[in-house]
Amino acid sequence: LLRSSQPLTGPNRRRCREDEKLLGTILDEGDRAFIIDTRSAQAAKQARMGGGGTEPKSFYPQWRRLHRALDRGRPLQESFTRLVEACGEPAASVERWLSRLDSSRWLGHVKAALSTACLAAQCLDREGSNVLVHGAEGTDTTLLVTALAQLILDPACRSLQGFLALLQREWIEV
């Protein structure tokens, strides 16, 4: 399980032989692996104009790219703010609270993150494949998905001591 920022291929789809070699070293002949991009295909394409982009398929033939768009930034902050407001409303009826929870869209964000982490875990566990997770910068959604995948796959991470170690390793020491 690997994570990184987006490759900096740019509008001319430049190669990075060092990246190709690095990702090639973890695969044996005939192995296949997955790149889970936490951006939409459209967002990844648009990133090329700013110098970013995706790994060109022709230079990464053993890697299959899957896009699983996860919201970040302002939409996520606004959703969280609405969730906090719903939870902070005193004496709200159950129906009103559930309505505000639904309109916050927070549970949709949680579902998308867990679904993407489950995909990564299935690729690792059931397919026996390597997985690279990346988004724009290699932080936020990328880190969230890899940490959740570790929680799913490793029972030790689900103990208090293991969870604290996961937080320290993945979120504090980055």
Protein backbone atom coordinates (compact mmCIF):
# COMPACT_ATOMS: atom_id res chain seq x y z
CA LEU A 1 0.00 0.00 0.00
CA LEU A 2 1.59 3.20 -1.22
CA ARG A 3 0.48 6.80 -1.37
CA SER A 4 1.79 9.77 -3.28
CA SER A 5 0.87 13.04 -4.85
CA GLN A 6 -0.11 13.24 -8.50
CA PRO A 7 2.65 12.79 -11.05
CA LEU A 8 3.85 16.03 -12.58
CA THR A 9 3.41 15.07 -16.22
CA GLY A 10 1.94 18.39 -17.36
CA PRO A 11 0.12 19.16 -20.62
CA ASN A 12 2.82 17.47 -22.71
CA ARG A 13 2.48 14.23 -20.69
CA ARG A 14 6.16 14.13 -19.76
CA ARG A 15 7.67 10.93 -18.46
CA CYS A 16 9.34 10.45 -15.14
CA ARG A 17 11.63 7.47 -15.58
CA GLU A 18 12.49 7.52 -11.86
CA ASP A 19 8.81 7.07 -10.95
CA GLU A 20 8.43 4.34 -13.59
CA LYS A 21 11.47 2.53 -12.21
CA LEU A 22 10.35 2.93 -8.59
CA LEU A 23 6.88 1.54 -9.26
CA GLY A 24 8.35 -1.16 -11.49
CA THR A 25 10.59 -2.46 -8.69
CA ILE A 26 7.68 -3.55 -6.53
CA LEU A 27 6.15 -5.71 -9.27
CA ASP A 28 7.28 -9.08 -10.55
CA GLU A 29 6.90 -10.13 -14.16
CA GLY A 30 3.21 -10.57 -14.92
CA ASP A 31 2.01 -8.87 -11.74
CA ARG A 32 -0.63 -6.22 -11.95
CA ALA A 33 -1.32 -3.37 -9.60
CA PHE A 34 -3.82 -0.60 -9.09
CA ILE A 35 -3.60 3.17 -8.88
CA ILE A 36 -6.57 4.58 -7.01
CA ASP A 37 -6.86 8.25 -7.83
CA THR A 38 -9.02 10.16 -5.35
CA ARG A 39 -9.85 12.75 -8.01
CA SER A 40 -12.42 12.42 -10.74
CA ALA A 41 -11.09 11.61 -14.20
CA GLN A 42 -12.08 15.13 -15.25
CA ALA A 43 -10.21 16.75 -12.34
CA ALA A 44 -7.12 14.67 -13.11
CA LYS A 45 -7.31 15.74 -16.75
CA GLN A 46 -7.69 19.40 -15.76
CA ALA A 47 -4.69 19.11 -13.43
CA ARG A 48 -2.46 18.51 -16.46
CA MET A 49 -2.85 22.16 -17.44
CA GLY A 50 -1.30 23.15 -14.11
CA GLY A 51 1.60 20.71 -14.42
CA GLY A 52 -0.02 17.69 -12.76
CA GLY A 53 -1.91 14.81 -14.27
CA THR A 54 -1.86 11.03 -14.22
CA GLU A 55 0.52 8.25 -15.10
CA PRO A 56 0.42 7.59 -18.86
CA LYS A 57 -0.86 4.05 -19.42
CA SER A 58 1.82 3.30 -21.99
CA PHE A 59 4.59 3.84 -19.40
CA TYR A 60 2.83 1.94 -16.60
CA PRO A 61 1.48 -1.14 -18.40
CA GLN A 62 1.10 -3.26 -15.26
CA TRP A 63 -0.87 -0.58 -13.41
CA ARG A 64 -4.60 -0.05 -13.80
CA ARG A 65 -5.93 3.37 -12.78
CA LEU A 66 -9.26 3.68 -10.98
CA HIS A 67 -10.81 7.07 -10.23
CA ARG A 68 -12.80 7.43 -7.02
CA ALA A 69 -13.57 11.10 -6.57
CA LEU A 70 -13.61 12.28 -2.98
CA ASP A 71 -14.59 15.81 -2.07
CA ARG A 72 -12.01 17.96 -0.37
CA GLY A 73 -11.65 21.57 0.64
CA ARG A 74 -14.65 23.88 0.77
CA PRO A 75 -17.43 21.31 0.04
CA LEU A 76 -16.11 19.09 2.83
CA GLN A 77 -15.75 22.01 5.27
CA GLU A 78 -19.26 23.25 4.53
CA SER A 79 -20.67 19.78 5.02
CA PHE A 80 -18.85 19.42 8.33
CA THR A 81 -20.07 22.84 9.48
CA ARG A 82 -23.68 21.82 8.73
CA LEU A 83 -23.12 18.56 10.65
CA VAL A 84 -21.78 20.44 13.69
CA GLU A 85 -24.71 22.86 13.54
CA ALA A 86 -27.16 19.95 13.41
CA CYS A 87 -25.49 18.27 16.38
CA GLY A 88 -25.38 21.51 18.37
CA GLU A 89 -29.05 22.36 18.03
CA PRO A 90 -30.61 21.91 21.47
CA ALA A 91 -33.98 20.22 21.76
CA ALA A 92 -34.25 19.35 18.09
CA SER A 93 -36.77 16.66 17.33
CA VAL A 94 -35.47 13.38 15.95
CA GLU A 95 -37.07 14.12 12.58
CA ARG A 96 -35.52 17.59 12.39
CA TRP A 97 -32.10 16.27 13.45
CA LEU A 98 -32.23 13.48 10.85
CA SER A 99 -33.31 15.97 8.20
CA ARG A 100 -30.41 18.29 9.03
CA LEU A 101 -28.00 15.36 9.12
CA ASP A 102 -29.19 14.31 5.67
CA SER A 103 -28.94 17.82 4.24
CA SER A 104 -25.39 18.19 5.58
CA ARG A 105 -24.29 15.47 3.12
CA TRP A 106 -21.72 14.37 5.72
CA LEU A 107 -22.74 10.72 5.60
CA GLY A 108 -22.21 10.76 1.82
CA HIS A 109 -18.60 11.85 2.37
CA VAL A 110 -18.10 9.12 4.96
CA LYS A 111 -19.60 6.52 2.62
CA ALA A 112 -17.37 7.61 -0.29
CA ALA A 113 -14.22 7.46 1.86
CA LEU A 114 -15.09 4.04 3.28
CA SER A 115 -16.02 2.69 -0.14
CA THR A 116 -12.69 3.82 -1.60
CA ALA A 117 -10.79 2.35 1.35
CA CYS A 118 -12.68 -0.94 0.90
CA LEU A 119 -11.68 -0.96 -2.76
CA ALA A 120 -8.03 -0.52 -1.80
CA ALA A 121 -8.33 -3.26 0.83
CA GLN A 122 -9.94 -5.66 -1.67
CA CYS A 123 -7.22 -5.02 -4.24
CA LEU A 124 -4.59 -5.77 -1.60
CA ASP A 125 -6.27 -8.72 0.09
CA ARG A 126 -8.39 -10.49 -2.52
CA GLU A 127 -6.40 -9.63 -5.64
CA GLY A 128 -3.01 -9.82 -3.92
CA SER A 129 -2.09 -6.67 -5.82
CA ASN A 130 -0.09 -3.63 -4.87
CA VAL A 131 -2.04 -0.40 -4.58
CA LEU A 132 -0.91 3.19 -5.03
CA VAL A 133 -3.36 5.81 -3.78
CA HIS A 134 -2.95 9.36 -4.93
CA GLY A 135 -4.80 12.59 -5.39
CA ALA A 136 -3.60 16.07 -6.00
CA GLU A 137 -1.06 16.44 -3.19
CA GLY A 138 -0.75 13.05 -1.50
CA THR A 139 -2.35 14.34 1.68
CA ASP A 140 -5.93 14.67 2.91
CA THR A 141 -8.03 12.17 0.91
CA THR A 142 -5.03 10.04 0.01
CA LEU A 143 -4.01 9.75 3.63
CA LEU A 144 -7.60 9.12 4.70
CA VAL A 145 -8.02 6.21 2.26
CA THR A 146 -4.73 4.52 3.14
CA ALA A 147 -5.34 4.86 6.89
CA LEU A 148 -8.86 3.44 6.57
CA ALA A 149 -7.57 0.56 4.42
CA GLN A 150 -5.08 -0.28 7.16
CA LEU A 151 -7.88 -0.25 9.73
CA ILE A 152 -9.88 -2.62 7.53
CA LEU A 153 -7.02 -5.04 6.87
CA ASP A 154 -4.98 -5.07 10.07
CA PRO A 155 -6.72 -6.15 13.29
CA ALA A 156 -3.82 -4.68 15.28
CA CYS A 157 -4.82 -1.21 14.03
CA ARG A 158 -8.24 -1.73 15.57
CA SER A 159 -6.87 -2.00 19.12
CA LEU A 160 -6.39 1.20 21.09
CA GLN A 161 -2.61 0.85 21.02
CA GLY A 162 -2.59 -0.03 17.31
CA PHE A 163 -4.92 2.84 16.46
CA LEU A 164 -2.72 5.30 18.32
CA ALA A 165 0.32 3.93 16.48
CA LEU A 166 -1.53 4.32 13.15
CA LEU A 167 -2.41 7.92 13.98
CA GLN A 168 1.17 8.66 15.00
CA ARG A 169 2.69 6.99 11.93
CA GLU A 170 0.27 8.21 9.30
CA TRP A 171 -1.07 11.54 10.53
CA ILE A 172 1.49 13.06 12.89
CA GLU A 173 4.87 11.97 11.50
CA VAL A 174 4.08 12.78 7.86
